[in-house]
Amino acid sequence: MATDDFFRARIEQMIDLSHPLAVLAQRMPWGELEKTLAPVFAHRDRQGRVTQQPGLFGPSLEVAGAGVSNAGRPRLPIRLMVSLLYLKHAFNLSDEALVERWSENVLWQYFSGREYYEHRRPCDATQIGRFRKALGEAGVEELLKTTIEAAVAMKAIRPAEFERVIVDSTVQPKAIAYPVDARLLEIARLR
């Protein structure tokens, strides 16, 4: 049992690799997803703004904030953020509950691409919302498409099952006026 770190065991040695989440982690095309989503999160060339600076021989024009800036904290890995979005929706959790449970769950860390168990949270809960906003509708559709393709490739679902859509209309608002005490009292008063 070889480990890269003498004092820590790899996560894959701690978990059951036949667990559905571990199987999905192995079969998801993470490399393709990262290539597809990388342009969305790449540093962009900024035009900058022209400012007038007082100088020794009169005002001079300078361009501020132009070019590609690598300033700031480096981005979190795309696989980590995509897996957090998947886990959030699969287990119906809030952002805060998700990062808390992630730090306690070895399987979730394996799904997120971690090699060793980490006791700390993967990120601040607000970063998940920012990632989702930056991803946009097209990015979320790409994630859904990739997940469906992986499920079809694993034979967890048949393509014929996508021909019919079932809509749950129990949560849609209906034009029903429920008998409320104030309304019933008003009807009785008018009669």
N, C-alpha and C. Protein backbone atom coordinates (compact mmCIF):
# COMPACT_ATOMS: atom_id res chain seq x y z
N MET A 1 0.85 -1.17 0.00
CA MET A 1 0.00 0.00 0.00
C MET A 1 0.89 1.23 0.00
N ALA A 2 1.21 1.72 -1.19
CA ALA A 2 2.09 2.87 -1.32
C ALA A 2 1.30 4.16 -1.22
N THR A 3 1.84 5.09 -0.49
CA THR A 3 1.21 6.41 -0.39
C THR A 3 2.24 7.46 -0.75
N ASP A 4 1.76 8.58 -1.27
CA ASP A 4 2.65 9.67 -1.62
C ASP A 4 3.13 10.40 -0.37
N ASP A 5 2.30 10.42 0.65
CA ASP A 5 2.62 11.09 1.90
C ASP A 5 2.75 10.02 2.97
N PHE A 6 3.84 9.99 3.67
CA PHE A 6 4.10 8.93 4.64
C PHE A 6 3.09 8.92 5.78
N PHE A 7 2.58 10.09 6.17
CA PHE A 7 1.73 10.18 7.34
C PHE A 7 0.24 10.17 7.02
N ARG A 8 -0.13 10.25 5.76
CA ARG A 8 -1.54 10.28 5.40
C ARG A 8 -1.85 9.22 4.37
N ALA A 9 -3.02 8.61 4.52
CA ALA A 9 -3.49 7.64 3.53
C ALA A 9 -4.32 8.37 2.48
N ARG A 10 -4.26 7.89 1.25
CA ARG A 10 -5.06 8.48 0.18
C ARG A 10 -6.53 8.17 0.41
N ILE A 11 -7.40 9.06 -0.05
CA ILE A 11 -8.84 8.87 0.14
C ILE A 11 -9.33 7.59 -0.52
N GLU A 12 -8.79 7.27 -1.67
CA GLU A 12 -9.26 6.07 -2.38
C GLU A 12 -8.98 4.79 -1.59
N GLN A 13 -8.07 4.85 -0.63
CA GLN A 13 -7.80 3.70 0.23
C GLN A 13 -8.74 3.66 1.43
N MET A 14 -9.49 4.74 1.67
CA MET A 14 -10.39 4.82 2.81
C MET A 14 -11.84 4.50 2.46
N ILE A 15 -12.20 4.59 1.18
CA ILE A 15 -13.60 4.47 0.81
C ILE A 15 -13.86 3.22 0.00
N ASP A 16 -15.14 2.90 -0.16
CA ASP A 16 -15.58 1.81 -1.01
C ASP A 16 -15.69 2.37 -2.43
N LEU A 17 -14.84 1.93 -3.34
CA LEU A 17 -14.82 2.46 -4.69
C LEU A 17 -16.01 2.02 -5.53
N SER A 18 -16.84 1.12 -4.99
CA SER A 18 -18.05 0.72 -5.71
C SER A 18 -19.26 1.56 -5.31
N HIS A 19 -19.07 2.52 -4.41
CA HIS A 19 -20.16 3.43 -4.03
C HIS A 19 -20.55 4.24 -5.28
N PRO A 20 -21.86 4.50 -5.49
CA PRO A 20 -22.29 5.21 -6.70
C PRO A 20 -21.60 6.56 -6.93
N LEU A 21 -21.33 7.29 -5.87
CA LEU A 21 -20.66 8.58 -6.02
C LEU A 21 -19.20 8.41 -6.44
N ALA A 22 -18.55 7.36 -5.93
CA ALA A 22 -17.17 7.09 -6.32
C ALA A 22 -17.11 6.63 -7.78
N VAL A 23 -18.09 5.83 -8.19
CA VAL A 23 -18.14 5.38 -9.59
C VAL A 23 -18.38 6.57 -10.51
N LEU A 24 -19.30 7.45 -10.11
CA LEU A 24 -19.56 8.65 -10.92
C LEU A 24 -18.32 9.54 -11.00
N ALA A 25 -17.59 9.64 -9.91
CA ALA A 25 -16.36 10.45 -9.91
C ALA A 25 -15.34 9.91 -10.91
N GLN A 26 -15.29 8.60 -11.06
CA GLN A 26 -14.34 7.99 -11.97
C GLN A 26 -14.79 8.10 -13.42
N ARG A 27 -16.09 8.15 -13.65
CA ARG A 27 -16.61 8.13 -15.02
C ARG A 27 -16.96 9.50 -15.59
N MET A 28 -17.02 10.51 -14.76
CA MET A 28 -17.32 11.85 -15.27
C MET A 28 -16.14 12.36 -16.10
N PRO A 29 -16.40 12.99 -17.22
CA PRO A 29 -15.30 13.53 -18.04
C PRO A 29 -14.81 14.88 -17.49
N TRP A 30 -14.09 14.83 -16.39
CA TRP A 30 -13.66 16.06 -15.71
C TRP A 30 -12.77 16.91 -16.59
N GLY A 31 -11.89 16.28 -17.35
CA GLY A 31 -10.98 17.04 -18.22
C GLY A 31 -11.74 17.83 -19.27
N GLU A 32 -12.73 17.20 -19.89
CA GLU A 32 -13.53 17.90 -20.90
C GLU A 32 -14.32 19.05 -20.28
N LEU A 33 -14.87 18.81 -19.10
CA LEU A 33 -15.62 19.86 -18.41
C LEU A 33 -14.73 21.06 -18.12
N GLU A 34 -13.53 20.79 -17.64
CA GLU A 34 -12.61 21.88 -17.32
C GLU A 34 -12.20 22.65 -18.57
N LYS A 35 -11.99 21.94 -19.69
CA LYS A 35 -11.64 22.62 -20.93
C LYS A 35 -12.80 23.48 -21.42
N THR A 36 -14.02 22.98 -21.27
CA THR A 36 -15.19 23.73 -21.72
C THR A 36 -15.42 24.97 -20.89
N LEU A 37 -15.24 24.85 -19.56
CA LEU A 37 -15.55 25.96 -18.66
C LEU A 37 -14.38 26.91 -18.41
N ALA A 38 -13.17 26.51 -18.76
CA ALA A 38 -11.99 27.35 -18.50
C ALA A 38 -12.08 28.74 -19.13
N PRO A 39 -12.56 28.87 -20.39
CA PRO A 39 -12.63 30.23 -20.97
C PRO A 39 -13.55 31.17 -20.19
N VAL A 40 -14.57 30.63 -19.53
CA VAL A 40 -15.48 31.47 -18.76
C VAL A 40 -14.75 32.10 -17.58
N PHE A 41 -13.80 31.37 -17.00
CA PHE A 41 -13.12 31.83 -15.79
C PHE A 41 -11.70 32.33 -16.04
N ALA A 42 -11.31 32.48 -17.30
CA ALA A 42 -9.97 32.98 -17.61
C ALA A 42 -9.89 34.48 -17.33
N HIS A 43 -8.69 34.94 -17.00
CA HIS A 43 -8.48 36.37 -16.79
C HIS A 43 -8.65 37.07 -18.14
N ARG A 44 -9.36 38.16 -18.15
CA ARG A 44 -9.67 38.86 -19.40
C ARG A 44 -8.81 40.12 -19.55
N ASP A 45 -8.57 40.47 -20.80
CA ASP A 45 -7.84 41.69 -21.12
C ASP A 45 -8.80 42.87 -20.93
N ARG A 46 -8.40 43.81 -20.09
CA ARG A 46 -9.25 44.97 -19.82
C ARG A 46 -8.77 46.17 -20.62
N GLN A 47 -9.70 47.00 -21.03
CA GLN A 47 -9.39 48.19 -21.82
C GLN A 47 -8.73 49.27 -20.97
N GLY A 48 -9.13 49.39 -19.74
CA GLY A 48 -8.58 50.42 -18.86
C GLY A 48 -9.32 51.73 -19.04
N ARG A 49 -8.89 52.72 -18.31
CA ARG A 49 -9.51 54.04 -18.39
C ARG A 49 -8.39 55.09 -18.47
N VAL A 50 -8.67 56.13 -19.19
CA VAL A 50 -7.70 57.21 -19.36
C VAL A 50 -7.93 58.22 -18.24
N THR A 51 -6.87 58.51 -17.51
CA THR A 51 -6.97 59.50 -16.43
C THR A 51 -5.99 60.63 -16.70
N GLN A 52 -6.33 61.78 -16.20
CA GLN A 52 -5.47 62.94 -16.37
C GLN A 52 -4.72 63.16 -15.07
N GLN A 53 -3.40 63.14 -15.14
CA GLN A 53 -2.55 63.30 -13.97
C GLN A 53 -1.83 64.64 -14.04
N PRO A 54 -1.79 65.37 -12.93
CA PRO A 54 -1.01 66.61 -12.97
C PRO A 54 0.48 66.30 -13.03
N GLY A 55 1.18 66.98 -13.87
CA GLY A 55 2.62 66.76 -14.02
C GLY A 55 3.40 68.05 -13.86
N LEU A 56 4.70 67.93 -13.99
CA LEU A 56 5.58 69.09 -13.84
C LEU A 56 5.36 70.10 -14.96
N PHE A 57 5.06 69.62 -16.17
CA PHE A 57 4.88 70.49 -17.32
C PHE A 57 3.41 70.56 -17.75
N GLY A 58 2.49 70.37 -16.83
CA GLY A 58 1.06 70.42 -17.14
C GLY A 58 0.44 69.03 -17.03
N PRO A 59 -0.85 68.94 -17.30
CA PRO A 59 -1.52 67.65 -17.16
C PRO A 59 -1.06 66.66 -18.23
N SER A 60 -0.97 65.38 -17.84
CA SER A 60 -0.60 64.32 -18.78
C SER A 60 -1.64 63.20 -18.69
N LEU A 61 -1.84 62.50 -19.78
CA LEU A 61 -2.82 61.42 -19.83
C LEU A 61 -2.13 60.09 -19.54
N GLU A 62 -2.77 59.28 -18.71
CA GLU A 62 -2.25 57.95 -18.40
C GLU A 62 -3.38 56.94 -18.53
N VAL A 63 -3.04 55.72 -18.92
CA VAL A 63 -4.02 54.64 -19.01
C VAL A 63 -3.87 53.79 -17.75
N ALA A 64 -4.96 53.67 -17.00
CA ALA A 64 -4.93 52.91 -15.74
C ALA A 64 -5.81 51.68 -15.86
N GLY A 65 -5.34 50.58 -15.30
CA GLY A 65 -6.14 49.36 -15.23
C GLY A 65 -6.25 48.61 -16.52
N ALA A 66 -5.32 48.71 -17.43
CA ALA A 66 -5.39 48.01 -18.71
C ALA A 66 -4.58 46.73 -18.65
N GLY A 67 -4.90 45.79 -19.52
CA GLY A 67 -4.16 44.54 -19.64
C GLY A 67 -4.76 43.42 -18.81
N VAL A 68 -4.05 42.32 -18.77
CA VAL A 68 -4.49 41.14 -18.02
C VAL A 68 -3.85 41.20 -16.65
N SER A 69 -4.68 41.15 -15.62
CA SER A 69 -4.18 41.22 -14.26
C SER A 69 -4.31 39.86 -13.59
N ASN A 70 -3.24 39.42 -12.96
CA ASN A 70 -3.28 38.18 -12.19
C ASN A 70 -3.38 38.48 -10.70
N ALA A 71 -3.75 39.70 -10.38
CA ALA A 71 -3.85 40.10 -8.99
C ALA A 71 -5.03 39.41 -8.32
N GLY A 72 -4.98 39.32 -7.03
CA GLY A 72 -6.07 38.71 -6.28
C GLY A 72 -5.80 37.26 -5.96
N ARG A 73 -6.74 36.68 -5.25
CA ARG A 73 -6.62 35.29 -4.85
C ARG A 73 -6.79 34.39 -6.07
N PRO A 74 -6.01 33.32 -6.19
CA PRO A 74 -6.19 32.42 -7.33
C PRO A 74 -7.54 31.72 -7.25
N ARG A 75 -8.09 31.40 -8.41
CA ARG A 75 -9.39 30.73 -8.46
C ARG A 75 -9.28 29.32 -7.90
N LEU A 76 -10.41 28.86 -7.37
CA LEU A 76 -10.48 27.48 -6.90
C LEU A 76 -10.59 26.57 -8.12
N PRO A 77 -10.16 25.31 -8.00
CA PRO A 77 -10.23 24.40 -9.14
C PRO A 77 -11.67 24.26 -9.66
N ILE A 78 -11.81 24.20 -10.97
CA ILE A 78 -13.13 24.08 -11.58
C ILE A 78 -13.80 22.78 -11.16
N ARG A 79 -13.02 21.69 -11.06
CA ARG A 79 -13.62 20.41 -10.66
C ARG A 79 -14.22 20.51 -9.26
N LEU A 80 -13.54 21.16 -8.35
CA LEU A 80 -14.06 21.31 -7.00
C LEU A 80 -15.38 22.07 -7.01
N MET A 81 -15.43 23.18 -7.73
CA MET A 81 -16.65 23.99 -7.74
C MET A 81 -17.80 23.28 -8.46
N VAL A 82 -17.50 22.59 -9.55
CA VAL A 82 -18.55 21.85 -10.26
C VAL A 82 -19.08 20.73 -9.38
N SER A 83 -18.19 20.02 -8.70
CA SER A 83 -18.64 18.93 -7.83
C SER A 83 -19.45 19.46 -6.65
N LEU A 84 -19.09 20.63 -6.13
CA LEU A 84 -19.88 21.23 -5.06
C LEU A 84 -21.29 21.59 -5.55
N LEU A 85 -21.40 22.11 -6.77
CA LEU A 85 -22.72 22.40 -7.33
C LEU A 85 -23.54 21.12 -7.48
N TYR A 86 -22.89 20.07 -7.97
CA TYR A 86 -23.59 18.79 -8.14
C TYR A 86 -24.07 18.25 -6.79
N LEU A 87 -23.21 18.26 -5.80
CA LEU A 87 -23.57 17.75 -4.47
C LEU A 87 -24.67 18.60 -3.83
N LYS A 88 -24.61 19.91 -4.05
CA LYS A 88 -25.63 20.81 -3.50
C LYS A 88 -27.01 20.43 -4.01
N HIS A 89 -27.12 20.19 -5.31
CA HIS A 89 -28.42 19.88 -5.88
C HIS A 89 -28.82 18.42 -5.66
N ALA A 90 -27.84 17.53 -5.61
CA ALA A 90 -28.16 16.12 -5.39
C ALA A 90 -28.68 15.86 -3.98
N PHE A 91 -28.17 16.59 -3.00
CA PHE A 91 -28.56 16.38 -1.62
C PHE A 91 -29.44 17.51 -1.06
N ASN A 92 -29.82 18.47 -1.93
CA ASN A 92 -30.74 19.55 -1.57
C ASN A 92 -30.26 20.31 -0.33
N LEU A 93 -29.06 20.87 -0.42
CA LEU A 93 -28.46 21.57 0.72
C LEU A 93 -28.27 23.04 0.41
N SER A 94 -28.22 23.84 1.45
CA SER A 94 -27.85 25.25 1.28
C SER A 94 -26.33 25.32 1.10
N ASP A 95 -25.84 26.47 0.67
CA ASP A 95 -24.40 26.63 0.47
C ASP A 95 -23.63 26.42 1.76
N GLU A 96 -24.16 26.96 2.87
CA GLU A 96 -23.49 26.84 4.16
C GLU A 96 -23.44 25.39 4.63
N ALA A 97 -24.57 24.68 4.51
CA ALA A 97 -24.61 23.28 4.93
C ALA A 97 -23.71 22.43 4.04
N LEU A 98 -23.63 22.78 2.78
CA LEU A 98 -22.80 22.01 1.84
C LEU A 98 -21.33 22.06 2.22
N VAL A 99 -20.79 23.25 2.45
CA VAL A 99 -19.37 23.33 2.78
C VAL A 99 -19.07 22.71 4.14
N GLU A 100 -20.03 22.76 5.05
CA GLU A 100 -19.84 22.13 6.36
C GLU A 100 -19.80 20.61 6.23
N ARG A 101 -20.74 20.04 5.48
CA ARG A 101 -20.78 18.59 5.31
C ARG A 101 -19.63 18.08 4.46
N TRP A 102 -19.17 18.91 3.50
CA TRP A 102 -18.06 18.49 2.65
C TRP A 102 -16.82 18.24 3.49
N SER A 103 -16.59 19.08 4.48
CA SER A 103 -15.38 18.92 5.30
C SER A 103 -15.43 17.67 6.16
N GLU A 104 -16.61 17.08 6.34
CA GLU A 104 -16.76 15.88 7.16
C GLU A 104 -16.89 14.60 6.34
N ASN A 105 -17.14 14.70 5.04
CA ASN A 105 -17.47 13.55 4.23
C ASN A 105 -16.32 13.19 3.29
N VAL A 106 -15.74 12.04 3.51
CA VAL A 106 -14.59 11.59 2.71
C VAL A 106 -15.01 11.29 1.27
N LEU A 107 -16.19 10.71 1.09
CA LEU A 107 -16.67 10.39 -0.25
C LEU A 107 -16.86 11.64 -1.09
N TRP A 108 -17.39 12.69 -0.49
CA TRP A 108 -17.59 13.93 -1.21
C TRP A 108 -16.26 14.53 -1.61
N GLN A 109 -15.26 14.41 -0.74
CA GLN A 109 -13.94 14.93 -1.07
C GLN A 109 -13.31 14.14 -2.21
N TYR A 110 -13.54 12.83 -2.25
CA TYR A 110 -13.04 12.02 -3.35
C TYR A 110 -13.73 12.43 -4.66
N PHE A 111 -15.04 12.66 -4.58
CA PHE A 111 -15.79 13.09 -5.75
C PHE A 111 -15.28 14.44 -6.26
N SER A 112 -14.82 15.27 -5.35
CA SER A 112 -14.32 16.60 -5.72
C SER A 112 -12.89 16.58 -6.24
N GLY A 113 -12.27 15.42 -6.28
CA GLY A 113 -10.92 15.32 -6.83
C GLY A 113 -9.80 15.45 -5.83
N ARG A 114 -10.11 15.44 -4.57
CA ARG A 114 -9.07 15.52 -3.54
C ARG A 114 -8.39 14.16 -3.39
N GLU A 115 -7.11 14.19 -3.12
CA GLU A 115 -6.36 12.95 -2.93
C GLU A 115 -6.26 12.57 -1.46
N TYR A 116 -6.22 13.58 -0.58
CA TYR A 116 -6.10 13.33 0.86
C TYR A 116 -7.26 14.00 1.58
N TYR A 117 -7.62 13.44 2.73
CA TYR A 117 -8.71 14.00 3.52
C TYR A 117 -8.31 15.35 4.09
N GLU A 118 -9.22 16.33 4.01
CA GLU A 118 -8.97 17.66 4.54
C GLU A 118 -10.02 18.00 5.58
N HIS A 119 -9.59 18.49 6.72
CA HIS A 119 -10.52 18.84 7.80
C HIS A 119 -11.18 20.19 7.58
N ARG A 120 -10.58 21.03 6.76
CA ARG A 120 -11.09 22.39 6.58
C ARG A 120 -12.15 22.42 5.48
N ARG A 121 -12.89 23.51 5.45
CA ARG A 121 -13.92 23.70 4.43
C ARG A 121 -13.25 23.96 3.08
N PRO A 122 -13.91 23.57 1.98
CA PRO A 122 -13.27 23.75 0.67
C PRO A 122 -13.21 25.21 0.23
N CYS A 123 -14.19 26.00 0.67
CA CYS A 123 -14.25 27.40 0.30
C CYS A 123 -15.27 28.10 1.19
N ASP A 124 -15.38 29.37 1.03
CA ASP A 124 -16.43 30.11 1.73
C ASP A 124 -17.75 29.84 1.01
N ALA A 125 -18.83 29.79 1.74
CA ALA A 125 -20.14 29.46 1.15
C ALA A 125 -20.55 30.47 0.08
N THR A 126 -20.12 31.71 0.20
CA THR A 126 -20.50 32.72 -0.79
C THR A 126 -19.83 32.49 -2.14
N GLN A 127 -18.71 31.78 -2.15
CA GLN A 127 -18.02 31.52 -3.42
C GLN A 127 -18.81 30.59 -4.32
N ILE A 128 -19.64 29.74 -3.76
CA ILE A 128 -20.47 28.84 -4.57
C ILE A 128 -21.48 29.66 -5.36
N GLY A 129 -22.10 30.62 -4.71
CA GLY A 129 -23.04 31.50 -5.41
C GLY A 129 -22.37 32.32 -6.49
N ARG A 130 -21.17 32.83 -6.20
CA ARG A 130 -20.43 33.60 -7.21
C ARG A 130 -20.05 32.73 -8.40
N PHE A 131 -19.65 31.48 -8.12
CA PHE A 131 -19.30 30.56 -9.20
C PHE A 131 -20.52 30.27 -10.07
N ARG A 132 -21.65 30.03 -9.44
CA ARG A 132 -22.89 29.74 -10.16
C ARG A 132 -23.29 30.93 -11.03
N LYS A 133 -23.12 32.15 -10.52
CA LYS A 133 -23.45 33.36 -11.27
C LYS A 133 -22.50 33.54 -12.45
N ALA A 134 -21.21 33.31 -12.22
CA ALA A 134 -20.22 33.45 -13.30
C ALA A 134 -20.40 32.37 -14.36
N LEU A 135 -20.85 31.20 -13.94
CA LEU A 135 -21.07 30.08 -14.86
C LEU A 135 -22.17 30.41 -15.85
N GLY A 136 -23.23 31.04 -15.37
CA GLY A 136 -24.33 31.44 -16.25
C GLY A 136 -25.19 30.27 -16.67
N GLU A 137 -26.21 30.60 -17.42
CA GLU A 137 -27.17 29.58 -17.86
C GLU A 137 -26.54 28.58 -18.82
N ALA A 138 -25.69 29.06 -19.72
CA ALA A 138 -25.05 28.17 -20.69
C ALA A 138 -24.12 27.17 -19.99
N GLY A 139 -23.41 27.61 -18.97
CA GLY A 139 -22.53 26.71 -18.24
C GLY A 139 -23.28 25.66 -17.46
N VAL A 140 -24.41 26.05 -16.85
CA VAL A 140 -25.23 25.08 -16.11
C VAL A 140 -25.81 24.06 -17.07
N GLU A 141 -26.23 24.50 -18.27
CA GLU A 141 -26.74 23.56 -19.28
C GLU A 141 -25.65 22.59 -19.71
N GLU A 142 -24.42 23.07 -19.83
CA GLU A 142 -23.29 22.19 -20.19
C GLU A 142 -23.06 21.15 -19.10
N LEU A 143 -23.16 21.56 -17.83
CA LEU A 143 -23.01 20.61 -16.73
C LEU A 143 -24.11 19.55 -16.77
N LEU A 144 -25.34 19.98 -17.00
CA LEU A 144 -26.46 19.04 -17.07
C LEU A 144 -26.27 18.07 -18.22
N LYS A 145 -25.84 18.58 -19.38
CA LYS A 145 -25.62 17.73 -20.55
C LYS A 145 -24.52 16.69 -20.27
N THR A 146 -23.45 17.11 -19.64
CA THR A 146 -22.35 16.20 -19.33
C THR A 146 -22.78 15.14 -18.32
N THR A 147 -23.57 15.53 -17.33
CA THR A 147 -24.05 14.58 -16.34
C THR A 147 -24.97 13.55 -16.98
N ILE A 148 -25.84 13.99 -17.87
CA ILE A 148 -26.75 13.06 -18.55
C ILE A 148 -25.97 12.12 -19.44
N GLU A 149 -24.98 12.64 -20.17
CA GLU A 149 -24.16 11.78 -21.03
C GLU A 149 -23.40 10.74 -20.20
N ALA A 150 -22.90 11.13 -19.03
CA ALA A 150 -22.20 10.18 -18.16
C ALA A 150 -23.17 9.11 -17.65
N ALA A 151 -24.40 9.50 -17.32
CA ALA A 151 -25.40 8.53 -16.84
C ALA A 151 -25.77 7.55 -17.95
N VAL A 152 -25.88 8.04 -19.18
CA VAL A 152 -26.19 7.16 -20.31
C VAL A 152 -25.01 6.23 -20.58
N ALA A 153 -23.79 6.74 -20.50
CA ALA A 153 -22.60 5.91 -20.73
C ALA A 153 -22.45 4.82 -19.66
N MET A 154 -22.88 5.14 -18.42
CA MET A 154 -22.80 4.15 -17.33
C MET A 154 -23.98 3.19 -17.36
N LYS A 155 -24.93 3.44 -18.27
CA LYS A 155 -26.16 2.64 -18.39
C LYS A 155 -27.01 2.73 -17.12
N ALA A 156 -26.93 3.89 -16.45
CA ALA A 156 -27.79 4.13 -15.30
C ALA A 156 -29.16 4.58 -15.75
N ILE A 157 -29.24 5.08 -17.00
CA ILE A 157 -30.52 5.54 -17.56
C ILE A 157 -30.48 5.28 -19.06
N ARG A 158 -31.63 4.97 -19.63
CA ARG A 158 -31.71 4.70 -21.06
C ARG A 158 -32.08 5.98 -21.80
N PRO A 159 -31.57 6.18 -23.01
CA PRO A 159 -31.92 7.39 -23.78
C PRO A 159 -33.42 7.49 -24.06
N ALA A 160 -34.12 6.37 -24.11
CA ALA A 160 -35.57 6.39 -24.37
C ALA A 160 -36.33 7.08 -23.23
N GLU A 161 -35.74 7.14 -22.06
CA GLU A 161 -36.41 7.77 -20.93
C GLU A 161 -36.44 9.29 -21.04
N PHE A 162 -35.71 9.85 -22.00
CA PHE A 162 -35.70 11.30 -22.19
C PHE A 162 -36.73 11.75 -23.22
N GLU A 163 -37.48 10.82 -23.78
CA GLU A 163 -38.47 11.17 -24.80
C GLU A 163 -39.72 11.78 -24.20
N ARG A 164 -40.04 11.45 -22.97
CA ARG A 164 -41.24 11.96 -22.33
C ARG A 164 -40.86 12.73 -21.07
N VAL A 165 -41.45 13.89 -20.90
CA VAL A 165 -41.16 14.73 -19.75
C VAL A 165 -42.35 14.70 -18.81
N ILE A 166 -42.08 14.47 -17.54
CA ILE A 166 -43.13 14.47 -16.53
C ILE A 166 -42.97 15.75 -15.72
N VAL A 167 -44.03 16.53 -15.66
CA VAL A 167 -44.01 17.81 -14.93
C VAL A 167 -44.88 17.66 -13.69
N ASP A 168 -44.30 17.99 -12.56
CA ASP A 168 -45.03 17.98 -11.30
C ASP A 168 -45.69 19.34 -11.13
N SER A 169 -47.00 19.38 -11.23
CA SER A 169 -47.71 20.65 -11.17
C SER A 169 -48.29 20.94 -9.78
N THR A 170 -47.90 20.17 -8.79
CA THR A 170 -48.47 20.38 -7.46
C THR A 170 -47.99 21.68 -6.82
N VAL A 171 -46.87 22.22 -7.27
CA VAL A 171 -46.36 23.44 -6.67
C VAL A 171 -46.70 24.68 -7.49
N GLN A 172 -47.39 24.51 -8.61
CA GLN A 172 -47.77 25.65 -9.41
C GLN A 172 -48.94 26.38 -8.76
N PRO A 173 -48.96 27.70 -8.83
CA PRO A 173 -50.09 28.43 -8.24
C PRO A 173 -51.37 28.16 -9.01
N LYS A 174 -52.42 27.99 -8.31
CA LYS A 174 -53.72 27.71 -8.92
C LYS A 174 -54.68 28.85 -8.60
N ALA A 175 -55.72 28.98 -9.40
CA ALA A 175 -56.70 30.04 -9.20
C ALA A 175 -57.78 29.55 -8.23
N ILE A 176 -57.38 29.23 -7.03
CA ILE A 176 -58.31 28.75 -6.02
C ILE A 176 -58.30 29.74 -4.86
N ALA A 177 -59.48 30.16 -4.48
CA ALA A 177 -59.59 31.06 -3.33
C ALA A 177 -59.93 30.21 -2.12
N TYR A 178 -59.02 30.11 -1.20
CA TYR A 178 -59.27 29.30 -0.01
C TYR A 178 -60.14 30.07 0.97
N PRO A 179 -61.03 29.36 1.65
CA PRO A 179 -61.91 30.06 2.60
C PRO A 179 -61.14 30.51 3.83
N VAL A 180 -60.87 31.79 3.88
CA VAL A 180 -60.16 32.38 5.00
C VAL A 180 -61.23 33.03 5.88
N ASP A 181 -60.96 33.10 7.16
CA ASP A 181 -61.95 33.64 8.09
C ASP A 181 -62.40 35.05 7.72
N ALA A 182 -61.47 35.91 7.35
CA ALA A 182 -61.83 37.30 7.03
C ALA A 182 -62.71 37.34 5.79
N ARG A 183 -62.41 36.51 4.79
CA ARG A 183 -63.21 36.49 3.56
C ARG A 183 -64.60 35.95 3.84
N LEU A 184 -64.70 34.88 4.62
CA LEU A 184 -66.01 34.32 4.96
C LEU A 184 -66.84 35.32 5.76
N LEU A 185 -66.19 36.04 6.65
CA LEU A 185 -66.89 37.04 7.44
C LEU A 185 -67.42 38.17 6.56
N GLU A 186 -66.63 38.56 5.56
CA GLU A 186 -67.06 39.62 4.64
C GLU A 186 -68.24 39.14 3.80
N ILE A 187 -68.22 37.91 3.34
CA ILE A 187 -69.36 37.36 2.57
C ILE A 187 -70.61 37.30 3.44
N ALA A 188 -70.47 36.86 4.66
CA ALA A 188 -71.62 36.78 5.58
C ALA A 188 -72.16 38.18 5.87
N ARG A 189 -71.30 39.15 6.01
CA ARG A 189 -71.75 40.52 6.31
C ARG A 189 -72.53 41.09 5.14
N LEU A 190 -72.07 40.82 3.89
CA LEU A 190 -72.76 41.33 2.72
C LEU A 190 -74.15 40.68 2.54
N ARG A 191 -74.27 39.40 2.87
CA ARG A 191 -75.57 38.71 2.72
C ARG A 191 -76.50 39.14 3.81
